[in-house]
Amino acid sequence: MEINRSGEVVKGHFLIKGGTISQELKRIDCDLVTFNRTDEREEIVDSISILTTKIIQSEAVNKIPFSFLLPNNARLSTDTLSYRFKTRLAFKQGVESLDQDAIRIIQD
């Protein structure tokens, strides 16, 4: 789990592992999402998209860099409010892959 502050740039990479056959990756969509445990409501805070034509070879491991600017007005993570990055990979054959990773926003 990453720990960051509002207004910071989160830098990292998407780690994409090839499956049993080679596929052409068309797009990566990544949403910063809040989840409120009180009312079980999820809300998209911000999104990024990366368009590509990268071939993901079978069994290969690929790293695609990204950066994401956290909003200055992002609320702090609490016991009832959490954040995560939800990532979707879209491939040329129409296959979609989903993943999510938690992130905490703390005070300066």
PDB file of N, CA and C in Angstrom:
ATOM      1  N   MET A   1       0.846  -1.177   0.000  1.00  0.00           N
ATOM      2  CA  MET A   1       0.000   0.000   0.000  1.00  0.00           C
ATOM      3  C   MET A   1       0.889   1.236   0.000  1.00  0.00           C
ATOM      4  N   GLU A   2       0.648   2.126  -0.932  1.00  0.00           N
ATOM      5  CA  GLU A   2       1.354   3.399  -1.007  1.00  0.00           C
ATOM      6  C   GLU A   2       0.773   4.380   0.005  1.00  0.00           C
ATOM      7  N   ILE A   3       1.625   5.227   0.578  1.00  0.00           N
ATOM      8  CA  ILE A   3       1.161   6.299   1.462  1.00  0.00           C
ATOM      9  C   ILE A   3       1.621   7.613   0.855  1.00  0.00           C
ATOM     10  N   ASN A   4       0.676   8.493   0.566  1.00  0.00           N
ATOM     11  CA  ASN A   4       0.969   9.750  -0.097  1.00  0.00           C
ATOM     12  C   ASN A   4       0.178  10.887   0.523  1.00  0.00           C
ATOM     13  N   ARG A   5       0.507  12.109   0.093  1.00  0.00           N
ATOM     14  CA  ARG A   5      -0.174  13.310   0.557  1.00  0.00           C
ATOM     15  C   ARG A   5      -0.939  13.933  -0.607  1.00  0.00           C
ATOM     16  N   SER A   6      -2.028  14.627  -0.302  1.00  0.00           N
ATOM     17  CA  SER A   6      -2.785  15.282  -1.370  1.00  0.00           C
ATOM     18  C   SER A   6      -1.863  16.266  -2.086  1.00  0.00           C
ATOM     19  N   GLY A   7      -2.046  16.402  -3.395  1.00  0.00           N
ATOM     20  CA  GLY A   7      -1.226  17.282  -4.209  1.00  0.00           C
ATOM     21  C   GLY A   7       0.079  16.657  -4.681  1.00  0.00           C
ATOM     22  N   GLU A   8       0.448  15.482  -4.183  1.00  0.00           N
ATOM     23  CA  GLU A   8       1.675  14.812  -4.610  1.00  0.00           C
ATOM     24  C   GLU A   8       1.465  14.077  -5.925  1.00  0.00           C
ATOM     25  N   VAL A   9       2.578  13.852  -6.618  1.00  0.00           N
ATOM     26  CA  VAL A   9       2.551  13.015  -7.814  1.00  0.00           C
ATOM     27  C   VAL A   9       2.956  11.608  -7.400  1.00  0.00           C
ATOM     28  N   VAL A  10       2.098  10.642  -7.703  1.00  0.00           N
ATOM     29  CA  VAL A  10       2.397   9.242  -7.453  1.00  0.00           C
ATOM     30  C   VAL A  10       3.042   8.705  -8.727  1.00  0.00           C
ATOM     31  N   LYS A  11       4.241   8.144  -8.594  1.00  0.00           N
ATOM     32  CA  LYS A  11       4.931   7.563  -9.745  1.00  0.00           C
ATOM     33  C   LYS A  11       5.089   6.076  -9.515  1.00  0.00           C
ATOM     34  N   GLY A  12       4.950   5.333 -10.578  1.00  0.00           N
ATOM     35  CA  GLY A  12       5.099   3.895 -10.474  1.00  0.00           C
ATOM     36  C   GLY A  12       5.056   3.272 -11.845  1.00  0.00           C
ATOM     37  N   HIS A  13       4.674   2.024 -11.877  1.00  0.00           N
ATOM     38  CA  HIS A  13       4.541   1.337 -13.158  1.00  0.00           C
ATOM     39  C   HIS A  13       3.432   0.303 -13.068  1.00  0.00           C
ATOM     40  N   PHE A  14       2.869   0.032 -14.218  1.00  0.00           N
ATOM     41  CA  PHE A  14       1.929  -1.067 -14.347  1.00  0.00           C
ATOM     42  C   PHE A  14       2.766  -2.293 -14.663  1.00  0.00           C
ATOM     43  N   LEU A  15       2.616  -3.339 -13.887  1.00  0.00           N
ATOM     44  CA  LEU A  15       3.327  -4.594 -14.119  1.00  0.00           C
ATOM     45  C   LEU A  15       2.372  -5.539 -14.839  1.00  0.00           C
ATOM     46  N   ILE A  16       2.666  -5.812 -16.090  1.00  0.00           N
ATOM     47  CA  ILE A  16       1.765  -6.602 -16.927  1.00  0.00           C
ATOM     48  C   ILE A  16       2.458  -7.909 -17.292  1.00  0.00           C
ATOM     49  N   LYS A  17       1.860  -9.005 -16.869  1.00  0.00           N
ATOM     50  CA  LYS A  17       2.421 -10.329 -17.145  1.00  0.00           C
ATOM     51  C   LYS A  17       1.638 -10.979 -18.281  1.00  0.00           C
ATOM     52  N   GLY A  18       2.361 -11.437 -19.280  1.00  0.00           N
ATOM     53  CA  GLY A  18       1.741 -12.082 -20.423  1.00  0.00           C
ATOM     54  C   GLY A  18       1.110 -13.409 -20.042  1.00  0.00           C
ATOM     55  N   GLY A  19       0.069 -13.773 -20.753  1.00  0.00           N
ATOM     56  CA  GLY A  19      -0.640 -15.039 -20.514  1.00  0.00           C
ATOM     57  C   GLY A  19      -0.109 -16.145 -21.393  1.00  0.00           C
ATOM     58  N   THR A  20      -1.005 -16.973 -21.858  1.00  0.00           N
ATOM     59  CA  THR A  20      -0.599 -18.141 -22.648  1.00  0.00           C
ATOM     60  C   THR A  20      -0.344 -17.807 -24.116  1.00  0.00           C
ATOM     61  N   ILE A  21      -0.906 -16.685 -24.599  1.00  0.00           N
ATOM     62  CA  ILE A  21      -0.664 -16.263 -25.986  1.00  0.00           C
ATOM     63  C   ILE A  21      -0.285 -14.786 -25.990  1.00  0.00           C
ATOM     64  N   SER A  22       0.382 -14.348 -27.059  1.00  0.00           N
ATOM     65  CA  SER A  22       0.713 -12.928 -27.216  1.00  0.00           C
ATOM     66  C   SER A  22      -0.558 -12.154 -27.539  1.00  0.00           C
ATOM     67  N   GLN A  23      -0.652 -10.926 -26.995  1.00  0.00           N
ATOM     68  CA  GLN A  23      -1.818 -10.080 -27.248  1.00  0.00           C
ATOM     69  C   GLN A  23      -1.367  -8.644 -27.426  1.00  0.00           C
ATOM     70  N   GLU A  24      -2.147  -7.879 -28.197  1.00  0.00           N
ATOM     71  CA  GLU A  24      -1.851  -6.463 -28.388  1.00  0.00           C
ATOM     72  C   GLU A  24      -2.656  -5.639 -27.390  1.00  0.00           C
ATOM     73  N   LEU A  25      -1.935  -4.901 -26.532  1.00  0.00           N
ATOM     74  CA  LEU A  25      -2.558  -4.011 -25.563  1.00  0.00           C
ATOM     75  C   LEU A  25      -2.931  -2.716 -26.265  1.00  0.00           C
ATOM     76  N   LYS A  26      -4.194  -2.289 -26.131  1.00  0.00           N
ATOM     77  CA  LYS A  26      -4.665  -1.065 -26.790  1.00  0.00           C
ATOM     78  C   LYS A  26      -4.719   0.117 -25.836  1.00  0.00           C
ATOM     79  N   ARG A  27      -5.073  -0.152 -24.580  1.00  0.00           N
ATOM     80  CA  ARG A  27      -5.358   0.970 -23.687  1.00  0.00           C
ATOM     81  C   ARG A  27      -5.237   0.531 -22.235  1.00  0.00           C
ATOM     82  N   ILE A  28      -4.757   1.462 -21.395  1.00  0.00           N
ATOM     83  CA  ILE A  28      -4.746   1.270 -19.949  1.00  0.00           C
ATOM     84  C   ILE A  28      -5.549   2.422 -19.345  1.00  0.00           C
ATOM     85  N   ASP A  29      -6.582   2.086 -18.591  1.00  0.00           N
ATOM     86  CA  ASP A  29      -7.379   3.089 -17.874  1.00  0.00           C
ATOM     87  C   ASP A  29      -7.148   2.879 -16.384  1.00  0.00           C
ATOM     88  N   CYS A  30      -6.860   3.971 -15.679  1.00  0.00           N
ATOM     89  CA  CYS A  30      -6.618   3.873 -14.243  1.00  0.00           C
ATOM     90  C   CYS A  30      -7.435   4.958 -13.538  1.00  0.00           C
ATOM     91  N   ASP A  31      -8.317   4.534 -12.646  1.00  0.00           N
ATOM     92  CA  ASP A  31      -9.168   5.450 -11.880  1.00  0.00           C
ATOM     93  C   ASP A  31      -8.690   5.499 -10.436  1.00  0.00           C
ATOM     94  N   LEU A  32      -8.620   6.706  -9.878  1.00  0.00           N
ATOM     95  CA  LEU A  32      -8.441   6.865  -8.436  1.00  0.00           C
ATOM     96  C   LEU A  32      -9.843   6.894  -7.851  1.00  0.00           C
ATOM     97  N   VAL A  33     -10.137   5.939  -6.968  1.00  0.00           N
ATOM     98  CA  VAL A  33     -11.490   5.728  -6.472  1.00  0.00           C
ATOM     99  C   VAL A  33     -11.501   5.830  -4.951  1.00  0.00           C
ATOM    100  N   THR A  34     -12.539   6.486  -4.404  1.00  0.00           N
ATOM    101  CA  THR A  34     -12.751   6.464  -2.956  1.00  0.00           C
ATOM    102  C   THR A  34     -13.830   5.441  -2.649  1.00  0.00           C
ATOM    103  N   PHE A  35     -13.714   4.854  -1.466  1.00  0.00           N
ATOM    104  CA  PHE A  35     -14.759   3.960  -0.996  1.00  0.00           C
ATOM    105  C   PHE A  35     -15.124   4.393   0.412  1.00  0.00           C
ATOM    106  N   ASN A  36     -16.400   4.726   0.601  1.00  0.00           N
ATOM    107  CA  ASN A  36     -16.908   5.146   1.904  1.00  0.00           C
ATOM    108  C   ASN A  36     -17.579   3.943   2.555  1.00  0.00           C
ATOM    109  N   ARG A  37     -16.985   3.441   3.631  1.00  0.00           N
ATOM    110  CA  ARG A  37     -17.520   2.249   4.296  1.00  0.00           C
ATOM    111  C   ARG A  37     -18.839   2.525   5.019  1.00  0.00           C
ATOM    112  N   THR A  38     -19.107   3.775   5.357  1.00  0.00           N
ATOM    113  CA  THR A  38     -20.328   4.122   6.067  1.00  0.00           C
ATOM    114  C   THR A  38     -21.563   3.826   5.224  1.00  0.00           C
ATOM    115  N   ASP A  39     -21.549   4.303   3.983  1.00  0.00           N
ATOM    116  CA  ASP A  39     -22.712   4.074   3.108  1.00  0.00           C
ATOM    117  C   ASP A  39     -22.385   3.134   1.938  1.00  0.00           C
ATOM    118  N   GLU A  40     -21.186   2.533   1.972  1.00  0.00           N
ATOM    119  CA  GLU A  40     -20.732   1.596   0.943  1.00  0.00           C
ATOM    120  C   GLU A  40     -20.814   2.193  -0.459  1.00  0.00           C
ATOM    121  N   ARG A  41     -20.427   3.471  -0.545  1.00  0.00           N
ATOM    122  CA  ARG A  41     -20.472   4.178  -1.827  1.00  0.00           C
ATOM    123  C   ARG A  41     -19.059   4.333  -2.380  1.00  0.00           C
ATOM    124  N   GLU A  42     -18.937   4.071  -3.670  1.00  0.00           N
ATOM    125  CA  GLU A  42     -17.678   4.224  -4.365  1.00  0.00           C
ATOM    126  C   GLU A  42     -17.793   5.401  -5.322  1.00  0.00           C
ATOM    127  N   GLU A  43     -16.710   6.195  -5.426  1.00  0.00           N
ATOM    128  CA  GLU A  43     -16.753   7.379  -6.276  1.00  0.00           C
ATOM    129  C   GLU A  43     -15.407   7.549  -6.979  1.00  0.00           C
ATOM    130  N   ILE A  44     -15.439   7.826  -8.277  1.00  0.00           N
ATOM    131  CA  ILE A  44     -14.212   8.089  -9.027  1.00  0.00           C
ATOM    132  C   ILE A  44     -13.784   9.528  -8.769  1.00  0.00           C
ATOM    133  N   VAL A  45     -12.542   9.704  -8.323  1.00  0.00           N
ATOM    134  CA  VAL A  45     -11.994  11.027  -8.030  1.00  0.00           C
ATOM    135  C   VAL A  45     -11.334  11.612  -9.275  1.00  0.00           C
ATOM    136  N   ASP A  46     -10.550  10.788  -9.973  1.00  0.00           N
ATOM    137  CA  ASP A  46      -9.836  11.232 -11.169  1.00  0.00           C
ATOM    138  C   ASP A  46      -9.442  10.000 -11.975  1.00  0.00           C
ATOM    139  N   SER A  47      -9.100  10.204 -13.245  1.00  0.00           N
ATOM    140  CA  SER A  47      -8.750   9.091 -14.127  1.00  0.00           C
ATOM    141  C   SER A  47      -7.611   9.476 -15.055  1.00  0.00           C
ATOM    142  N   ILE A  48      -6.852   8.467 -15.470  1.00  0.00           N
ATOM    143  CA  ILE A  48      -5.876   8.648 -16.542  1.00  0.00           C
ATOM    144  C   ILE A  48      -6.071   7.509 -17.539  1.00  0.00           C
ATOM    145  N   SER A  49      -5.725   7.778 -18.788  1.00  0.00           N
ATOM    146  CA  SER A  49      -5.756   6.752 -19.827  1.00  0.00           C
ATOM    147  C   SER A  49      -4.451   6.809 -20.593  1.00  0.00           C
ATOM    148  N   ILE A  50      -3.937   5.637 -20.930  1.00  0.00           N
ATOM    149  CA  ILE A  50      -2.731   5.529 -21.737  1.00  0.00           C
ATOM    150  C   ILE A  50      -3.095   4.714 -22.968  1.00  0.00           C
ATOM    151  N   LEU A  51      -2.971   5.332 -24.141  1.00  0.00           N
ATOM    152  CA  LEU A  51      -3.214   4.627 -25.395  1.00  0.00           C
ATOM    153  C   LEU A  51      -1.899   4.023 -25.863  1.00  0.00           C
ATOM    154  N   THR A  52      -1.939   2.792 -26.360  1.00  0.00           N
ATOM    155  CA  THR A  52      -0.713   2.109 -26.753  1.00  0.00           C
ATOM    156  C   THR A  52      -1.029   1.063 -27.816  1.00  0.00           C
ATOM    157  N   THR A  53      -0.007   0.539 -28.435  1.00  0.00           N
ATOM    158  CA  THR A  53      -0.137  -0.594 -29.347  1.00  0.00           C
ATOM    159  C   THR A  53       0.929  -1.629 -28.990  1.00  0.00           C
ATOM    160  N   LYS A  54       1.205  -1.768 -27.712  1.00  0.00           N
ATOM    161  CA  LYS A  54       2.265  -2.661 -27.230  1.00  0.00           C
ATOM    162  C   LYS A  54       1.827  -4.124 -27.323  1.00  0.00           C
ATOM    163  N   ILE A  55       2.716  -4.939 -27.848  1.00  0.00           N
ATOM    164  CA  ILE A  55       2.474  -6.382 -27.890  1.00  0.00           C
ATOM    165  C   ILE A  55       2.963  -6.976 -26.571  1.00  0.00           C
ATOM    166  N   ILE A  56       2.077  -7.670 -25.884  1.00  0.00           N
ATOM    167  CA  ILE A  56       2.425  -8.354 -24.640  1.00  0.00           C
ATOM    168  C   ILE A  56       2.683  -9.819 -25.009  1.00  0.00           C
ATOM    169  N   GLN A  57       3.948 -10.196 -24.993  1.00  0.00           N
ATOM    170  CA  GLN A  57       4.325 -11.560 -25.366  1.00  0.00           C
ATOM    171  C   GLN A  57       3.870 -12.547 -24.296  1.00  0.00           C
ATOM    172  N   SER A  58       3.564 -13.762 -24.700  1.00  0.00           N
ATOM    173  CA  SER A  58       3.145 -14.779 -23.736  1.00  0.00           C
ATOM    174  C   SER A  58       4.254 -15.014 -22.719  1.00  0.00           C
ATOM    175  N   GLU A  59       3.856 -15.096 -21.464  1.00  0.00           N
ATOM    176  CA  GLU A  59       4.755 -15.360 -20.334  1.00  0.00           C
ATOM    177  C   GLU A  59       5.753 -14.238 -20.047  1.00  0.00           C
ATOM    178  N   ALA A  60       5.752 -13.151 -20.805  1.00  0.00           N
ATOM    179  CA  ALA A  60       6.700 -12.046 -20.582  1.00  0.00           C
ATOM    180  C   ALA A  60       6.189 -11.124 -19.481  1.00  0.00           C
ATOM    181  N   VAL A  61       7.113 -10.388 -18.863  1.00  0.00           N
ATOM    182  CA  VAL A  61       6.771  -9.404 -17.840  1.00  0.00           C
ATOM    183  C   VAL A  61       7.101  -8.023 -18.410  1.00  0.00           C
ATOM    184  N   ASN A  62       6.123  -7.122 -18.394  1.00  0.00           N
ATOM    185  CA  ASN A  62       6.278  -5.777 -18.957  1.00  0.00           C
ATOM    186  C   ASN A  62       6.017  -4.740 -17.881  1.00  0.00           C
ATOM    187  N   LYS A  63       6.825  -3.684 -17.878  1.00  0.00           N
ATOM    188  CA  LYS A  63       6.609  -2.555 -16.970  1.00  0.00           C
ATOM    189  C   LYS A  63       6.313  -1.331 -17.817  1.00  0.00           C
ATOM    190  N   ILE A  64       5.159  -0.717 -17.558  1.00  0.00           N
ATOM    191  CA  ILE A  64       4.780   0.509 -18.260  1.00  0.00           C
ATOM    192  C   ILE A  64       4.677   1.611 -17.215  1.00  0.00           C
ATOM    193  N   PRO A  65       5.538   2.647 -17.297  1.00  0.00           N
ATOM    194  CA  PRO A  65       5.553   3.693 -16.274  1.00  0.00           C
ATOM    195  C   PRO A  65       4.295   4.563 -16.316  1.00  0.00           C
ATOM    196  N   PHE A  66       3.941   5.110 -15.148  1.00  0.00           N
ATOM    197  CA  PHE A  66       2.839   6.063 -15.074  1.00  0.00           C
ATOM    198  C   PHE A  66       3.096   7.051 -13.950  1.00  0.00           C
ATOM    199  N   SER A  67       2.416   8.170 -14.024  1.00  0.00           N
ATOM    200  CA  SER A  67       2.399   9.133 -12.913  1.00  0.00           C
ATOM    201  C   SER A  67       0.972   9.632 -12.779  1.00  0.00           C
ATOM    202  N   PHE A  68       0.589   9.920 -11.547  1.00  0.00           N
ATOM    203  CA  PHE A  68      -0.787  10.306 -11.239  1.00  0.00           C
ATOM    204  C   PHE A  68      -0.734  11.424 -10.211  1.00  0.00           C
ATOM    205  N   LEU A  69      -1.275  12.589 -10.544  1.00  0.00           N
ATOM    206  CA  LEU A  69      -1.303  13.727  -9.620  1.00  0.00           C
ATOM    207  C   LEU A  69      -2.510  13.602  -8.703  1.00  0.00           C
ATOM    208  N   LEU A  70      -2.240  13.458  -7.402  1.00  0.00           N
ATOM    209  CA  LEU A  70      -3.346  13.403  -6.445  1.00  0.00           C
ATOM    210  C   LEU A  70      -3.944  14.801  -6.297  1.00  0.00           C
ATOM    211  N   PRO A  71      -5.251  14.919  -6.271  1.00  0.00           N
ATOM    212  CA  PRO A  71      -5.880  16.236  -6.153  1.00  0.00           C
ATOM    213  C   PRO A  71      -5.471  16.944  -4.854  1.00  0.00           C
ATOM    214  N   ASN A  72      -5.306  18.266  -4.930  1.00  0.00           N
ATOM    215  CA  ASN A  72      -4.968  19.059  -3.739  1.00  0.00           C
ATOM    216  C   ASN A  72      -6.053  18.985  -2.676  1.00  0.00           C
ATOM    217  N   ASN A  73      -7.293  18.806  -3.098  1.00  0.00           N
ATOM    218  CA  ASN A  73      -8.412  18.805  -2.157  1.00  0.00           C
ATOM    219  C   ASN A  73      -8.830  17.393  -1.737  1.00  0.00           C
ATOM    220  N   ALA A  74      -7.965  16.403  -1.982  1.00  0.00           N
ATOM    221  CA  ALA A  74      -8.309  15.024  -1.612  1.00  0.00           C
ATOM    222  C   ALA A  74      -8.428  14.911  -0.100  1.00  0.00           C
ATOM    223  N   ARG A  75      -9.502  14.278   0.341  1.00  0.00           N
ATOM    224  CA  ARG A  75      -9.697  14.061   1.779  1.00  0.00           C
ATOM    225  C   ARG A  75      -8.718  13.014   2.281  1.00  0.00           C
ATOM    226  N   LEU A  76      -8.391  13.073   3.551  1.00  0.00           N
ATOM    227  CA  LEU A  76      -7.463  12.130   4.148  1.00  0.00           C
ATOM    228  C   LEU A  76      -8.101  10.756   4.270  1.00  0.00           C
ATOM    229  N   SER A  77      -7.292   9.719   4.170  1.00  0.00           N
ATOM    230  CA  SER A  77      -7.773   8.359   4.405  1.00  0.00           C
ATOM    231  C   SER A  77      -8.126   8.205   5.877  1.00  0.00           C
ATOM    232  N   THR A  78      -9.203   7.497   6.143  1.00  0.00           N
ATOM    233  CA  THR A  78      -9.647   7.249   7.521  1.00  0.00           C
ATOM    234  C   THR A  78     -10.099   5.795   7.622  1.00  0.00           C
ATOM    235  N   ASP A  79     -10.626   5.436   8.797  1.00  0.00           N
ATOM    236  CA  ASP A  79     -11.175   4.087   8.958  1.00  0.00           C
ATOM    237  C   ASP A  79     -12.391   3.855   8.066  1.00  0.00           C
ATOM    238  N   THR A  80     -13.098   4.937   7.719  1.00  0.00           N
ATOM    239  CA  THR A  80     -14.307   4.793   6.898  1.00  0.00           C
ATOM    240  C   THR A  80     -14.117   5.238   5.450  1.00  0.00           C
ATOM    241  N   LEU A  81     -13.024   5.950   5.139  1.00  0.00           N
ATOM    242  CA  LEU A  81     -12.780   6.428   3.777  1.00  0.00           C
ATOM    243  C   LEU A  81     -11.444   5.882   3.283  1.00  0.00           C
ATOM    244  N   SER A  82     -11.493   5.096   2.213  1.00  0.00           N
ATOM    245  CA  SER A  82     -10.259   4.539   1.663  1.00  0.00           C
ATOM    246  C   SER A  82     -10.150   4.876   0.179  1.00  0.00           C
ATOM    247  N   TYR A  83      -8.926   4.760  -0.332  1.00  0.00           N
ATOM    248  CA  TYR A  83      -8.633   5.035  -1.738  1.00  0.00           C
ATOM    249  C   TYR A  83      -8.017   3.801  -2.378  1.00  0.00           C
ATOM    250  N   ARG A  84      -8.228   3.677  -3.682  1.00  0.00           N
ATOM    251  CA  ARG A  84      -7.537   2.641  -4.450  1.00  0.00           C
ATOM    252  C   ARG A  84      -7.460   3.070  -5.899  1.00  0.00           C
ATOM    253  N   PHE A  85      -6.456   2.547  -6.565  1.00  0.00           N
ATOM    254  CA  PHE A  85      -6.358   2.683  -8.013  1.00  0.00           C
ATOM    255  C   PHE A  85      -7.022   1.458  -8.620  1.00  0.00           C
ATOM    256  N   LYS A  86      -7.986   1.675  -9.490  1.00  0.00           N
ATOM    257  CA  LYS A  86      -8.626   0.583 -10.235  1.00  0.00           C
ATOM    258  C   LYS A  86      -8.128   0.679 -11.672  1.00  0.00           C
ATOM    259  N   THR A  87      -7.506  -0.390 -12.139  1.00  0.00           N
ATOM    260  CA  THR A  87      -6.866  -0.387 -13.452  1.00  0.00           C
ATOM    261  C   THR A  87      -7.534  -1.406 -14.365  1.00  0.00           C
ATOM    262  N   ARG A  88      -7.787  -0.971 -15.599  1.00  0.00           N
ATOM    263  CA  ARG A  88      -8.360  -1.835 -16.622  1.00  0.00           C
ATOM    264  C   ARG A  88      -7.422  -1.855 -17.833  1.00  0.00           C
ATOM    265  N   LEU A  89      -7.126  -3.043 -18.307  1.00  0.00           N
ATOM    266  CA  LEU A  89      -6.337  -3.209 -19.522  1.00  0.00           C
ATOM    267  C   LEU A  89      -7.279  -3.657 -20.628  1.00  0.00           C
ATOM    268  N   ALA A  90      -7.232  -2.978 -21.774  1.00  0.00           N
ATOM    269  CA  ALA A  90      -8.061  -3.362 -22.920  1.00  0.00           C
ATOM    270  C   ALA A  90      -7.148  -3.864 -24.035  1.00  0.00           C
ATOM    271  N   PHE A  91      -7.445  -5.059 -24.516  1.00  0.00           N
ATOM    272  CA  PHE A  91      -6.643  -5.679 -25.570  1.00  0.00           C
ATOM    273  C   PHE A  91      -7.393  -5.654 -26.897  1.00  0.00           C
ATOM    274  N   LYS A  92      -6.671  -5.769 -27.991  1.00  0.00           N
ATOM    275  CA  LYS A  92      -7.248  -5.692 -29.331  1.00  0.00           C
ATOM    276  C   LYS A  92      -8.357  -6.717 -29.549  1.00  0.00           C
ATOM    277  N   GLN A  93      -8.213  -7.906 -28.988  1.00  0.00           N
ATOM    278  CA  GLN A  93      -9.222  -8.948 -29.185  1.00  0.00           C
ATOM    279  C   GLN A  93     -10.452  -8.733 -28.306  1.00  0.00           C
ATOM    280  N   GLY A  94     -10.544  -7.610 -27.605  1.00  0.00           N
ATOM    281  CA  GLY A  94     -11.710  -7.321 -26.787  1.00  0.00           C
ATOM    282  C   GLY A  94     -11.629  -7.862 -25.381  1.00  0.00           C
ATOM    283  N   VAL A  95     -10.529  -8.527 -25.037  1.00  0.00           N
ATOM    284  CA  VAL A  95     -10.331  -9.042 -23.682  1.00  0.00           C
ATOM    285  C   VAL A  95     -10.025  -7.872 -22.758  1.00  0.00           C
ATOM    286  N   GLU A  96     -10.533  -7.929 -21.535  1.00  0.00           N
ATOM    287  CA  GLU A  96     -10.269  -6.879 -20.554  1.00  0.00           C
ATOM    288  C   GLU A  96      -9.747  -7.523 -19.279  1.00  0.00           C
ATOM    289  N   SER A  97      -8.779  -6.869 -18.657  1.00  0.00           N
ATOM    290  CA  SER A  97      -8.207  -7.362 -17.413  1.00  0.00           C
ATOM    291  C   SER A  97      -8.349  -6.262 -16.363  1.00  0.00           C
ATOM    292  N   LEU A  98      -8.702  -6.634 -15.131  1.00  0.00           N
ATOM    293  CA  LEU A  98      -8.937  -5.667 -14.063  1.00  0.00           C
ATOM    294  C   LEU A  98      -8.023  -5.930 -12.872  1.00  0.00           C
ATOM    295  N   ASP A  99      -7.633  -4.854 -12.170  1.00  0.00           N
ATOM    296  CA  ASP A  99      -6.833  -4.970 -10.958  1.00  0.00           C
ATOM    297  C   ASP A  99      -7.104  -3.737 -10.111  1.00  0.00           C
ATOM    298  N   GLN A 100      -6.805  -3.841  -8.810  1.00  0.00           N
ATOM    299  CA  GLN A 100      -6.914  -2.668  -7.941  1.00  0.00           C
ATOM    300  C   GLN A 100      -5.841  -2.714  -6.869  1.00  0.00           C
ATOM    301  N   ASP A 101      -5.348  -1.519  -6.509  1.00  0.00           N
ATOM    302  CA  ASP A 101      -4.292  -1.379  -5.521  1.00  0.00           C
ATOM    303  C   ASP A 101      -4.637  -0.254  -4.568  1.00  0.00           C
ATOM    304  N   ALA A 102      -4.510  -0.527  -3.271  1.00  0.00           N
ATOM    305  CA  ALA A 102      -4.853   0.455  -2.237  1.00  0.00           C
ATOM    306  C   ALA A 102      -3.777   1.537  -2.157  1.00  0.00           C
ATOM    307  N   ILE A 103      -4.198   2.732  -1.755  1.00  0.00           N
ATOM    308  CA  ILE A 103      -3.310   3.859  -1.509  1.00  0.00           C
ATOM    309  C   ILE A 103      -3.887   4.632  -0.329  1.00  0.00           C
ATOM    310  N   ARG A 104      -3.030   5.158   0.531  1.00  0.00           N
ATOM    311  CA  ARG A 104      -3.480   5.974   1.669  1.00  0.00           C
ATOM    312  C   ARG A 104      -3.058   7.407   1.461  1.00  0.00           C
ATOM    313  N   ILE A 105      -3.929   8.332   1.782  1.00  0.00           N
ATOM    314  CA  ILE A 105      -3.608   9.763   1.722  1.00  0.00           C
ATOM    315  C   ILE A 105      -3.550  10.251   3.160  1.00  0.00           C
ATOM    316  N   ILE A 106      -2.385  10.826   3.521  1.00  0.00           N
ATOM    317  CA  ILE A 106      -2.169  11.283   4.904  1.00  0.00           C
ATOM    318  C   ILE A 106      -1.931  12.782   4.922  1.00  0.00           C
ATOM    319  N   GLN A 107      -1.889  13.326   6.115  1.00  0.00           N
ATOM    320  CA  GLN A 107      -1.667  14.744   6.334  1.00  0.00           C
ATOM    321  C   GLN A 107      -0.168  15.037   6.270  1.00  0.00           C
ATOM    322  N   ASP A 108       0.190  16.273   5.907  1.00  0.00           N
ATOM    323  CA  ASP A 108       1.604  16.691   5.909  1.00  0.00           C
ATOM    324  C   ASP A 108       2.199  16.609   7.293  1.00  0.00           C
TER     325      ASP A 108
END
